Protein backbone atom coordinates (compact mmCIF):
# COMPACT_ATOMS: atom_id res chain seq x y z
CA MET A 1 -4.40 7.72 -14.10
CA LYS A 2 -7.72 7.33 -12.54
CA ILE A 3 -8.86 3.82 -11.49
CA LEU A 4 -5.35 2.89 -12.13
CA LYS A 5 -4.26 1.66 -8.35
CA GLN A 6 -7.58 -0.27 -7.92
CA PHE A 7 -8.16 -1.15 -11.17
CA PHE A 8 -4.75 -3.37 -10.58
CA PHE A 9 -5.33 -3.95 -7.00
CA PHE A 10 -9.26 -5.59 -8.11
CA ILE A 11 -7.31 -7.82 -10.51
CA PHE A 12 -4.00 -9.39 -8.21
CA ILE A 13 -6.70 -10.14 -6.05
CA ILE A 14 -8.83 -11.98 -8.75
CA SER A 15 -5.83 -13.25 -10.32
CA TYR A 16 -5.21 -15.14 -7.68
CA VAL A 17 -8.19 -17.03 -6.85
CA LEU A 18 -7.97 -18.50 -10.43
CA SER A 19 -4.57 -19.34 -10.29
CA SER A 20 -5.81 -21.72 -6.88
CA GLY A 21 -8.29 -23.13 -8.40
CA GLN A 22 -6.94 -26.52 -9.71
CA GLU A 23 -6.02 -29.10 -8.02
CA LYS A 24 -2.90 -29.06 -5.66
CA ALA A 25 -0.58 -31.85 -4.49
CA TYR A 26 0.09 -30.05 -0.79
CA PRO A 27 -3.48 -28.27 -0.14
CA LYS A 28 -1.95 -26.47 3.25
CA ILE A 29 0.59 -25.22 1.24
CA ASP A 30 -1.91 -23.54 -1.38
CA THR A 31 -3.88 -22.70 1.32
CA ALA A 32 -1.53 -20.72 3.40
CA LEU A 33 -0.29 -18.93 0.46
CA SER A 34 -3.92 -17.90 -0.16
CA ARG A 35 -4.37 -16.90 3.32
CA ILE A 36 -1.22 -14.94 3.57
CA TYR A 37 -1.84 -13.24 -0.11
CA PHE A 38 -5.25 -11.90 0.99
CA GLN A 39 -4.35 -10.74 4.55
CA SER A 40 -1.56 -8.87 3.17
CA ILE A 41 -3.07 -7.14 1.00
CA ASN A 42 -6.27 -6.08 3.31
CA THR A 43 -4.21 -4.80 5.68
CA PHE A 44 -0.85 -3.76 3.57
CA ASP A 45 1.24 -5.44 5.21
CA PHE A 46 3.11 -6.51 2.54
CA ASN A 47 6.84 -7.16 4.35
CA ASN A 48 5.09 -9.70 6.73
CA GLY A 49 3.63 -11.11 2.88
CA ILE A 50 7.03 -11.36 1.06
CA ARG A 51 8.15 -12.91 4.59
CA GLU A 52 5.44 -15.52 5.04
CA SER A 53 5.96 -16.06 1.49
CA THR A 54 9.31 -17.06 1.41
CA LYS A 55 8.52 -19.20 4.15
CA LEU A 56 6.95 -21.31 1.92
CA ILE A 57 8.95 -21.13 -1.38
CA ASN A 58 10.96 -22.81 0.97
CA GLU A 59 9.19 -25.42 2.03
CA SER A 60 7.91 -26.42 -1.04
CA LYS A 61 11.24 -26.11 -2.53
CA LYS A 62 12.31 -29.35 0.08
CA LEU A 63 9.34 -31.32 -0.95
CA ASN A 64 9.99 -29.97 -4.70
CA TYR A 65 6.68 -28.76 -5.25
CA LYS A 66 7.05 -26.76 -8.44
CA LYS A 67 3.59 -25.32 -8.23
CA GLY A 68 4.22 -23.90 -4.82
CA ILE A 69 7.06 -22.18 -6.03
CA ALA A 70 5.71 -20.56 -8.52
CA LYS A 71 2.96 -19.01 -6.44
CA GLY A 72 4.89 -18.13 -3.47
CA SER A 73 7.24 -16.28 -6.26
CA LEU A 74 3.93 -14.67 -7.82
CA ASN A 75 2.81 -13.68 -4.24
CA ILE A 76 6.15 -11.71 -3.35
CA GLY A 77 5.94 -10.28 -7.03
CA ASN A 78 2.53 -8.89 -6.23
CA PHE A 79 3.22 -7.46 -3.26
CA LEU A 80 6.63 -5.69 -4.34
CA VAL A 81 4.80 -4.47 -7.47
CA ASN A 82 2.12 -2.63 -5.11
CA LEU A 83 5.72 -1.51 -3.65
CA ASN A 84 6.86 -0.30 -6.67
CA ARG A 85 9.53 -2.52 -6.65
CA TYR A 86 9.35 -2.93 -10.04
CA LYS A 87 12.92 -4.25 -10.67
CA GLU A 88 13.21 -7.01 -7.64
CA ALA A 89 8.95 -7.83 -9.21
CA LEU A 90 10.56 -9.54 -12.65
CA ILE A 91 13.00 -11.05 -10.86
CA TYR A 92 10.52 -13.13 -8.97
CA LEU A 93 8.29 -13.42 -11.53
CA GLU A 94 11.05 -14.67 -13.79
CA ILE A 95 11.00 -17.94 -10.74
CA ALA A 96 7.60 -17.89 -11.20
CA GLU A 97 7.61 -18.58 -14.98
CA LYS A 98 11.09 -20.61 -14.37
CA ASN A 99 8.82 -23.06 -12.11
CA ASN A 100 5.54 -23.14 -13.51
CA LEU A 101 7.06 -24.13 -17.29
CA GLU A 102 7.76 -27.39 -15.25
CA THR A 103 3.99 -27.95 -14.43
CA GLU A 104 1.04 -28.72 -16.90
CA ASP A 105 -0.35 -25.87 -14.65
CA PHE A 106 -1.70 -23.58 -17.79
CA LEU A 107 -3.32 -21.01 -15.58
CA THR A 108 -1.03 -19.69 -13.10
CA ARG A 109 1.46 -19.39 -16.58
CA SER A 110 -1.43 -17.27 -18.06
CA GLU A 111 -1.71 -15.39 -14.94
CA ILE A 112 1.95 -14.76 -14.53
CA TYR A 113 2.60 -13.15 -18.21
CA THR A 114 -0.40 -10.99 -16.63
CA GLU A 115 1.60 -9.89 -13.95
CA TYR A 116 4.88 -9.69 -16.27
CA GLY A 117 2.25 -6.98 -18.46
CA LYS A 118 1.14 -5.19 -15.45
CA VAL A 119 4.99 -4.59 -14.43
CA TYR A 120 5.95 -3.37 -17.35
CA GLY A 121 2.22 -1.20 -17.85
CA MET A 122 3.83 0.43 -14.72
CA LEU A 123 7.49 1.47 -16.52
CA ASN A 124 5.28 2.71 -19.09
CA LEU A 125 6.32 0.00 -21.57
CA HIS A 126 3.26 -0.08 -22.72
CA GLN A 127 3.11 -1.93 -25.97
CA ARG A 128 5.51 -4.53 -24.06
CA ALA A 129 2.64 -5.23 -21.79
CA ILE A 130 0.37 -6.02 -24.30
CA ASP A 131 2.58 -8.21 -24.96
CA TYR A 132 2.45 -10.09 -22.32
CA PHE A 133 -0.96 -10.00 -22.17
CA ASN A 134 -1.30 -11.48 -25.44
CA LYS A 135 0.83 -14.19 -24.46
CA ALA A 136 -1.62 -14.67 -21.09
CA ILE A 137 -4.93 -14.62 -23.56
CA ASN A 138 -3.06 -17.24 -25.47
CA GLU A 139 -1.86 -20.00 -22.93
CA ASN A 140 -5.86 -18.90 -21.93
CA LYS A 141 -6.60 -21.39 -24.54
CA LYS A 142 -5.25 -23.92 -23.36
CA VAL A 143 -7.42 -23.76 -19.74
CA LYS A 144 -9.79 -26.67 -19.63
CA ASP A 145 -12.07 -25.90 -16.84
CA SER A 146 -14.25 -23.26 -18.79
CA HIS A 147 -15.58 -21.20 -15.48
CA PHE A 148 -11.39 -20.24 -14.59
CA LYS A 149 -11.06 -20.08 -18.03
CA VAL A 150 -13.91 -17.11 -18.49
CA LEU A 151 -12.88 -15.43 -15.84
CA ASN A 152 -8.56 -15.18 -16.55
CA LEU A 153 -9.62 -14.61 -19.66
CA GLN A 154 -11.56 -11.10 -18.66
CA ILE A 155 -9.09 -9.97 -16.34
CA ALA A 156 -6.50 -10.00 -19.69
CA TYR A 157 -8.94 -8.67 -21.41
CA ALA A 158 -9.54 -5.59 -19.06
CA CYS A 159 -5.48 -5.32 -18.55
CA LYS A 160 -5.02 -4.62 -22.17
CA ALA A 161 -7.43 -2.39 -22.56
CA GLU A 162 -6.00 -0.05 -20.14
CA SER A 163 -2.48 -0.34 -21.27
CA SER A 164 -3.88 0.49 -24.67
CA ARG A 165 -4.74 3.38 -23.03
CA LEU A 166 -1.77 4.81 -21.63
CA ILE A 167 -0.46 5.10 -25.47
CA SER A 168 -3.58 6.60 -26.76
CA GLN A 169 -5.21 3.54 -28.83
CA TYR A 170 -8.86 4.77 -27.25
CA ASP A 171 -10.67 2.04 -30.08
CA SER A 172 -8.17 -0.45 -28.87
CA THR A 173 -9.80 0.79 -25.40
CA TYR A 174 -13.08 0.71 -26.06
CA ILE A 175 -13.62 -3.16 -27.92
CA TYR A 176 -10.78 -4.94 -25.09
CA PHE A 177 -12.67 -3.13 -22.02
CA LYS A 178 -15.82 -4.11 -24.16
CA LYS A 179 -14.32 -8.08 -24.28
CA ALA A 180 -14.09 -8.29 -20.89
CA TYR A 181 -17.67 -6.88 -19.87
CA ALA A 182 -19.42 -9.15 -21.88
CA LEU A 183 -17.52 -11.86 -20.18
CA ASP A 184 -18.44 -10.11 -16.55
CA PRO A 185 -19.77 -7.38 -16.71
CA ASP A 186 -18.49 -6.61 -12.82
CA PRO A 187 -18.97 -2.42 -11.33
CA ILE A 188 -14.98 -1.77 -11.97
CA THR A 189 -14.65 -2.39 -15.86
CA GLY A 190 -18.33 -1.22 -16.01
CA ALA A 191 -16.40 2.47 -14.30
CA ASN A 192 -13.73 1.76 -16.91
CA ILE A 193 -15.79 2.21 -19.44
CA ALA A 194 -17.91 4.87 -18.48
CA ASP A 195 -14.07 6.40 -18.00
CA TYR A 196 -13.59 6.10 -21.68
CA PHE A 197 -16.36 8.20 -22.86
CA ILE A 198 -16.09 10.80 -19.96
CA ASN A 199 -12.53 11.50 -20.79
CA TYR A 200 -12.28 10.51 -24.97
CA LYS A 201 -16.01 10.08 -26.26
CA LYS A 202 -17.24 13.45 -24.48
CA GLU A 203 -20.17 14.21 -27.31
CA HIS A 204 -21.54 10.44 -25.80
CA ILE A 205 -20.92 11.06 -22.19
CA ASP A 206 -24.68 9.83 -21.75
CA SER A 207 -23.52 5.97 -22.20
CA ALA A 208 -20.93 6.99 -19.02
CA GLU A 209 -24.15 7.22 -16.70
CA TYR A 210 -25.76 3.85 -18.68
CA TYR A 211 -22.09 2.57 -17.41
CA LEU A 212 -22.26 3.63 -14.23
CA LYS A 213 -25.49 2.73 -12.98
CA ALA A 214 -25.19 -0.41 -14.40
CA ALA A 215 -22.64 -1.16 -12.41
CA GLU A 216 -24.12 0.18 -9.05
CA VAL A 217 -26.44 -1.84 -9.72
CA ASN A 218 -24.53 -5.44 -10.44
CA TYR A 219 -22.81 -4.01 -6.90
CA GLN A 220 -25.61 -4.26 -4.64
CA GLN A 221 -27.09 -7.70 -6.85
CA LYS A 222 -24.25 -9.55 -6.80
CA LYS A 223 -22.31 -8.81 -3.71
CA TYR A 224 -19.14 -8.11 -5.46
CA ASP A 225 -15.86 -6.96 -3.30
CA PRO A 226 -16.46 -3.60 -1.64
CA PHE A 227 -13.07 -2.34 -3.25
CA GLN A 228 -14.76 -1.93 -6.69
CA LYS A 229 -17.23 0.66 -5.57
CA LEU A 230 -14.60 3.04 -4.74
CA ALA A 231 -14.08 2.49 -8.71
CA TYR A 232 -17.44 3.84 -9.96
CA LEU A 233 -17.76 5.89 -7.24
CA LEU A 234 -14.86 8.12 -8.27
CA VAL A 235 -15.88 7.65 -11.67
CA TYR A 236 -19.41 9.19 -10.90
CA GLY A 237 -18.04 12.80 -9.56
CA ASP A 238 -15.76 12.69 -12.56
CA TYR A 239 -18.76 11.91 -14.52
CA TYR A 240 -20.77 15.26 -12.44
CA PHE A 241 -17.48 17.10 -12.84
CA GLN A 242 -18.21 16.95 -16.72
CA LYS A 243 -21.26 17.65 -16.52
CA GLU A 244 -20.93 21.00 -14.52
CA GLU A 245 -22.81 19.49 -11.47
CA TYR A 246 -20.63 20.38 -9.23
CA ASN A 247 -22.69 19.50 -5.65
CA LYS A 248 -23.56 16.63 -6.85
CA SER A 249 -20.10 15.61 -8.27
CA LEU A 250 -18.47 16.63 -4.58
CA GLU A 251 -21.03 14.44 -2.59
CA LYS A 252 -19.45 11.13 -4.53
CA TYR A 253 -16.00 12.52 -4.34
CA LEU A 254 -16.30 13.19 -0.70
CA GLU A 255 -18.33 9.72 -0.33
CA THR A 256 -15.42 8.10 -2.17
CA GLU A 257 -13.00 9.28 0.84
CA LYS A 258 -15.13 8.18 3.45
CA MET A 259 -15.09 4.65 1.56
CA SER A 260 -11.61 4.11 0.87
CA ALA A 261 -10.33 5.63 4.31
CA GLN A 262 -12.54 3.11 5.65
CA LEU A 263 -10.99 0.26 3.69
CA LYS A 264 -7.84 1.60 4.26
CA ARG A 265 -7.15 2.51 0.81
CA PRO A 266 -5.04 5.57 1.39
CA ASP A 267 -4.10 5.40 -2.93
CA VAL A 268 -7.29 5.91 -3.39
CA ARG A 269 -7.54 8.99 -0.62
CA VAL A 270 -4.79 11.22 -2.78
CA GLU A 271 -6.98 10.75 -6.13
CA ALA A 272 -9.93 11.48 -3.81
CA TYR A 273 -8.16 14.77 -2.05
CA ALA A 274 -7.48 15.91 -5.15
CA SER A 275 -10.72 15.70 -7.09
CA ILE A 276 -12.25 17.47 -4.27
CA SER A 277 -9.49 19.92 -4.18
CA LYS A 278 -10.87 20.83 -7.35
CA ILE A 279 -14.25 20.71 -7.07
CA TYR A 280 -14.19 23.12 -4.59
CA LEU A 281 -12.11 25.68 -6.27
CA LYS A 282 -14.88 25.32 -8.69
CA LEU A 283 -17.69 26.00 -5.90
CA ASN A 284 -15.28 28.99 -5.69
CA ASN A 285 -14.06 28.22 -1.68
CA PRO A 286 -10.70 28.54 -2.54
CA GLN A 287 -10.11 27.74 1.20
CA LYS A 288 -10.71 24.73 1.02
CA SER A 289 -9.25 23.45 -2.38
CA ALA A 290 -6.24 24.80 -0.58
CA VAL A 291 -7.30 22.38 2.67
CA TYR A 292 -7.65 19.28 0.36
CA LEU A 293 -4.70 19.70 -1.55
CA LYS A 294 -1.84 19.71 1.14
CA MET A 295 -3.89 17.13 2.55
CA GLN A 296 -3.38 15.19 -0.94
CA ALA A 297 0.15 16.16 -0.30
CA ASP A 298 0.66 14.68 3.01
CA LEU A 299 -0.46 11.65 2.43
CA SER A 300 1.50 11.52 -0.86
CA ASP A 301 4.34 11.64 1.00
CA SER A 302 3.45 9.26 3.90
CA LEU A 303 2.44 6.67 0.74
CA LYS A 304 5.61 7.13 -0.72
CA THR A 305 7.56 7.01 2.58
CA ILE A 306 6.22 3.57 2.92
CA ASN A 307 6.35 2.07 -0.08
CA ASN A 308 10.51 3.02 0.14
CA ILE A 309 11.18 0.96 3.02
CA ALA A 310 13.10 -2.36 2.46
CA LEU A 311 11.40 -5.47 1.98
CA ASP A 312 13.34 -8.19 2.71
CA LEU A 313 16.88 -9.01 4.10
CA SER A 314 19.66 -8.86 0.54
CA VAL A 315 17.28 -5.30 -0.47
CA GLU A 316 17.80 -4.06 2.58
CA LYS A 317 22.02 -4.91 2.93
CA LEU A 318 22.62 -3.57 -0.72
CA ILE A 319 20.40 -0.75 0.25
CA LYS A 320 22.87 0.39 3.96
CA GLU A 321 25.96 -0.65 1.63
CA LYS A 322 25.17 2.15 -0.82
CA GLU A 323 24.57 4.26 1.96
CA HIS A 324 27.64 3.07 3.80
CA GLU A 325 29.44 4.35 0.16
CA LYS A 326 27.45 7.57 -0.01
CA LEU A 327 28.31 8.56 3.76
CA LYS A 328 32.26 8.17 3.16
CA GLU A 329 32.44 10.17 0.02
CA THR A 330 30.18 13.12 1.93
CA GLU A 331 33.16 12.99 4.68
CA THR A 332 35.93 13.28 2.52
CA LEU A 333 34.47 16.49 0.98
CA SER A 334 35.85 19.33 2.25
CA LYS A 335 34.56 21.90 4.44
CA LYS A 336 34.86 24.63 1.54
CA ASN A 337 33.21 22.74 -0.96
CA SER A 338 30.35 22.33 1.33
CA TYR A 339 30.09 25.42 2.17
CA ILE A 340 29.57 26.67 -1.26
CA LEU A 341 27.34 23.30 -1.94
CA GLY A 342 25.32 24.73 1.22
CA ALA A 343 24.97 28.74 -0.54
CA VAL A 344 24.15 27.22 -3.63
CA ILE A 345 20.73 25.55 -2.32
CA LEU A 346 20.12 28.23 -0.12
CA ILE A 347 20.72 30.72 -2.79
CA THR A 348 18.35 28.29 -5.09
CA ILE A 349 15.67 27.71 -1.95
CA LEU A 350 15.57 31.59 -1.59
CA ILE A 351 14.82 32.05 -5.92
CA ILE A 352 12.46 29.48 -5.62
CA ILE A 353 10.54 31.29 -2.82
CA TRP A 354 10.93 34.51 -3.93
CA GLY A 355 9.60 33.06 -7.06
CA TYR A 356 7.09 31.47 -5.23
CA LEU A 357 5.32 34.19 -3.90
CA PHE A 358 5.66 36.56 -6.13
CA TYR A 359 3.51 34.29 -8.56
CA ILE A 360 0.73 33.80 -6.23
CA ARG A 361 0.75 37.71 -5.51
CA LYS A 362 0.03 37.99 -9.38
CA LYS A 363 -1.79 34.78 -9.97
CA ARG A 364 -4.13 34.00 -6.86
CA GLU A 365 -7.49 33.01 -8.59
CA LYS A 366 -5.02 30.94 -10.83
CA GLU A 367 -3.07 29.03 -7.99
CA VAL A 368 -4.49 25.80 -7.61
CA LEU A 369 -4.67 24.79 -11.07
CA ILE A 370 -1.06 25.75 -12.55
CA ASN A 371 0.02 23.50 -9.08
CA ASP A 372 -1.66 21.26 -9.99
CA GLN A 373 0.14 21.01 -13.75
CA ARG A 374 3.65 21.77 -12.43
CA GLU A 375 2.65 18.79 -10.11
CA LEU A 376 2.01 16.65 -13.30
CA ILE A 377 4.82 17.86 -15.36
CA GLN A 378 7.47 16.80 -12.12
CA LYS A 379 5.72 13.62 -12.21
CA LYS A 380 6.46 12.70 -15.62
CA GLU A 381 10.32 13.68 -14.70
CA THR A 382 10.25 12.10 -12.54
CA GLU A 383 9.20 8.70 -14.49
CA ASN A 384 11.01 9.31 -17.52
CA LYS A 385 14.45 9.89 -15.17
CA ASN A 386 13.53 6.37 -13.51
CA LEU A 387 12.79 4.77 -16.53
CA GLU A 388 16.34 6.29 -18.02
CA PHE A 389 17.89 4.46 -14.74
CA LYS A 390 16.14 1.26 -15.64
CA VAL A 391 17.66 1.23 -19.33
CA ASN A 392 21.38 2.37 -18.12
CA ASP A 393 20.29 -1.02 -16.52
CA ALA A 394 19.14 -2.86 -19.19
CA PHE A 395 22.44 -1.63 -20.98
CA GLU A 396 24.87 -2.83 -18.29
CA GLU A 397 23.20 -6.27 -18.22
CA VAL A 398 23.23 -6.96 -21.62
CA MET A 399 27.30 -5.89 -21.45
CA GLN A 400 27.87 -7.95 -19.08
CA LEU A 401 25.97 -11.04 -20.85
CA ALA A 402 28.53 -9.99 -23.97
CA LYS A 403 31.39 -10.23 -22.14
CA LYS A 404 30.79 -13.37 -20.43
CA ASN A 405 29.48 -14.47 -24.21
CA SER A 406 26.68 -15.93 -22.26
CA PRO A 407 24.26 -18.01 -24.50
CA HIS A 408 21.16 -15.77 -23.06
CA PHE A 409 23.00 -12.90 -24.75
CA LEU A 410 21.28 -12.57 -27.96
CA ALA A 411 17.44 -13.28 -26.07
CA ARG A 412 18.26 -10.14 -23.97
CA PHE A 413 20.00 -7.96 -26.74
CA LYS A 414 16.72 -8.51 -28.85
CA GLU A 415 14.79 -7.43 -25.86
CA VAL A 416 16.58 -3.68 -25.04
CA TYR A 417 17.47 -3.46 -28.81
CA PRO A 418 13.76 -4.55 -30.57
CA GLU A 419 14.19 -1.94 -33.44
CA PHE A 420 18.25 -2.23 -34.25
CA CYS A 421 17.25 -6.50 -34.67
CA GLN A 422 13.77 -5.64 -36.54
CA LYS A 423 15.81 -3.15 -39.02
CA ILE A 424 18.78 -5.67 -39.55
CA ILE A 425 16.83 -8.65 -39.93
CA ALA A 426 14.42 -6.49 -42.97
CA LEU A 427 17.68 -5.48 -44.34
CA GLN A 428 19.00 -9.61 -44.47
CA PRO A 429 16.38 -11.95 -43.55
CA ASP A 430 18.46 -14.64 -44.05
CA LEU A 431 20.53 -13.36 -41.51
CA LEU A 432 21.89 -16.37 -39.11
CA ASN A 433 21.90 -16.64 -35.20
CA SER A 434 25.26 -16.09 -34.70
CA GLU A 435 25.78 -13.33 -37.68
CA LEU A 436 22.68 -11.17 -35.56
CA THR A 437 25.25 -12.12 -32.25
CA PHE A 438 28.28 -10.28 -34.26
CA CYS A 439 26.58 -7.82 -35.36
CA ALA A 440 25.18 -6.67 -31.78
CA TYR A 441 28.37 -7.12 -30.38
CA LEU A 442 29.18 -4.39 -32.94
CA LYS A 443 26.37 -2.23 -31.84
CA LEU A 444 27.75 -2.42 -28.62
CA ASN A 445 30.85 -0.88 -30.04
CA PHE A 446 33.20 -3.62 -28.94
CA THR A 447 36.53 -3.29 -30.09
CA THR A 448 37.96 -6.58 -32.86
CA LYS A 449 40.43 -7.35 -29.60
CA GLU A 450 37.11 -7.53 -26.76
CA ILE A 451 35.62 -9.73 -29.17
CA ALA A 452 38.23 -12.24 -29.85
CA THR A 453 38.26 -12.36 -26.39
CA TYR A 454 34.98 -12.77 -25.05
CA THR A 455 34.27 -15.10 -27.75
CA PHE A 456 37.77 -17.17 -27.82
CA VAL A 457 38.64 -16.60 -31.15
CA THR A 458 41.89 -15.12 -32.51
CA GLU A 459 41.97 -11.21 -33.61
CA LYS A 460 42.30 -12.21 -37.46
CA ALA A 461 38.67 -14.50 -37.05
CA VAL A 462 37.39 -11.10 -35.78
CA GLN A 463 38.42 -9.66 -39.15
CA GLY A 464 37.51 -12.08 -41.09
CA ARG A 465 34.30 -11.83 -39.75
CA LYS A 466 34.05 -8.20 -39.59
CA SER A 467 34.69 -8.91 -43.77
CA ARG A 468 31.50 -10.81 -44.10
CA ILE A 469 29.59 -8.67 -42.64
CA ARG A 470 30.38 -6.03 -45.26
CA LYS A 471 29.86 -7.80 -47.68
CA LYS A 472 26.54 -8.72 -46.87
CA PHE A 473 25.00 -6.26 -46.06
CA ASN A 474 27.19 -4.41 -49.07
CA ILE A 475 28.75 -1.76 -46.63
CA SER A 476 30.85 0.18 -48.56
CA SER A 477 35.24 -0.58 -47.20
CA ASP A 478 35.72 3.17 -47.33
CA GLU A 479 32.97 3.42 -44.74
CA ASP A 480 33.41 3.16 -40.76
CA LEU A 481 31.81 -0.13 -40.12
CA TYR A 482 30.79 0.72 -36.97
CA MET A 483 28.91 4.19 -37.98
CA TRP A 484 27.39 2.42 -40.16
CA PHE A 485 25.59 0.29 -37.03
CA LYS A 486 25.12 3.47 -35.19
CA LYS A 487 23.20 4.90 -38.21
CA ILE A 488 20.50 1.98 -38.56
CA ASP A 489 19.38 2.46 -35.10
CA SER A 490 19.23 6.09 -35.80
């Protein structure tokens, strides 16, 4: 995803500026939060940012300063997003939202919803991300300060455009990037519009050059943050690559690599290395192409290692407990099974090595391109597996809420199973919430006895509810009720 990380990085910076624009009851806390935020993102020392923000949150709690708690939690949410800790980020955003709702700070509320959208976008739940960006836009309408109102709206439009692009809604992508650009023609938004023409409207690729030149001029005249230059430099390289002007493309990519090193942006350097490798392949220099491809792989692995470091004591403790459990399980394995496992791994590695050498011998000229495609496929598979784990977590959460007869059960069920709820309501628009809750228990395959236990009623009462549900949906007595609900969502 071209320029996506620096795009969100820029959004994080502007978002914080917006949230600090209104009058504060405790300016020392707000100033400290701002200082910690910018220091952390500039040095990539997110662990320290989390620790210092936590101290200020605790201080705000003693003062019952809801705005400080909200902004501090938003700080931590941003840091966790930078480290790909999306589940923990959602927890802190929920804390920020809860405290913000007790204030009249609509600007911060809009920003929180924008952050929610970014997290869901990173989790590939792009439609849900767009829903939150829409909520951010609606909250923005309540903001009185016109200057910050415009800036915040520009951020929401740009984020919505990026999520639309990731679900192939390219018309919406262009529309919302244009809306953001109309509010503030900053270089990074101009680069995103240029990227749109390069990748999705190649017949109008000259328009990309227009927006890139405008981005360069705006950067020089208005003195934007240097991170914005990285965005249009990278897209400039893509533009010249599409025009088959490979030397110019290489020049832009090399400049991107140099500047990203100066600004300590290893994520951008990873993209630059990949692009430089691609260019050298076009310039018939496979040796240099291979060098940069290896640099990309090494730096990418290094970033993954950094991002997986534990961030706070509670998370570290949980990870250590899990590792201890795995160690015990490993020690209980017999030596025979260990040898068998080792032999299987060795044979697998040998087969992979043999296949790789054979492939290199037969497909030398296409090596880099095919490896790039393979890495992309592996990345998508990993993302799909991670998403599957997150869905499993959501299912377990819903099950626990159901067993506790929690008042939050129905709301969370609707979030996890939106299509099921929509279909049920479509069949019976007048369905009561209590009836929908009962349908949810049936969807989750709870038995009559379990439903009676969890909802504190008799099994006879549950049977009566089942009969009423059959009658309401015209379900034949010969048909299995659980199978009927299963078919609804199939």
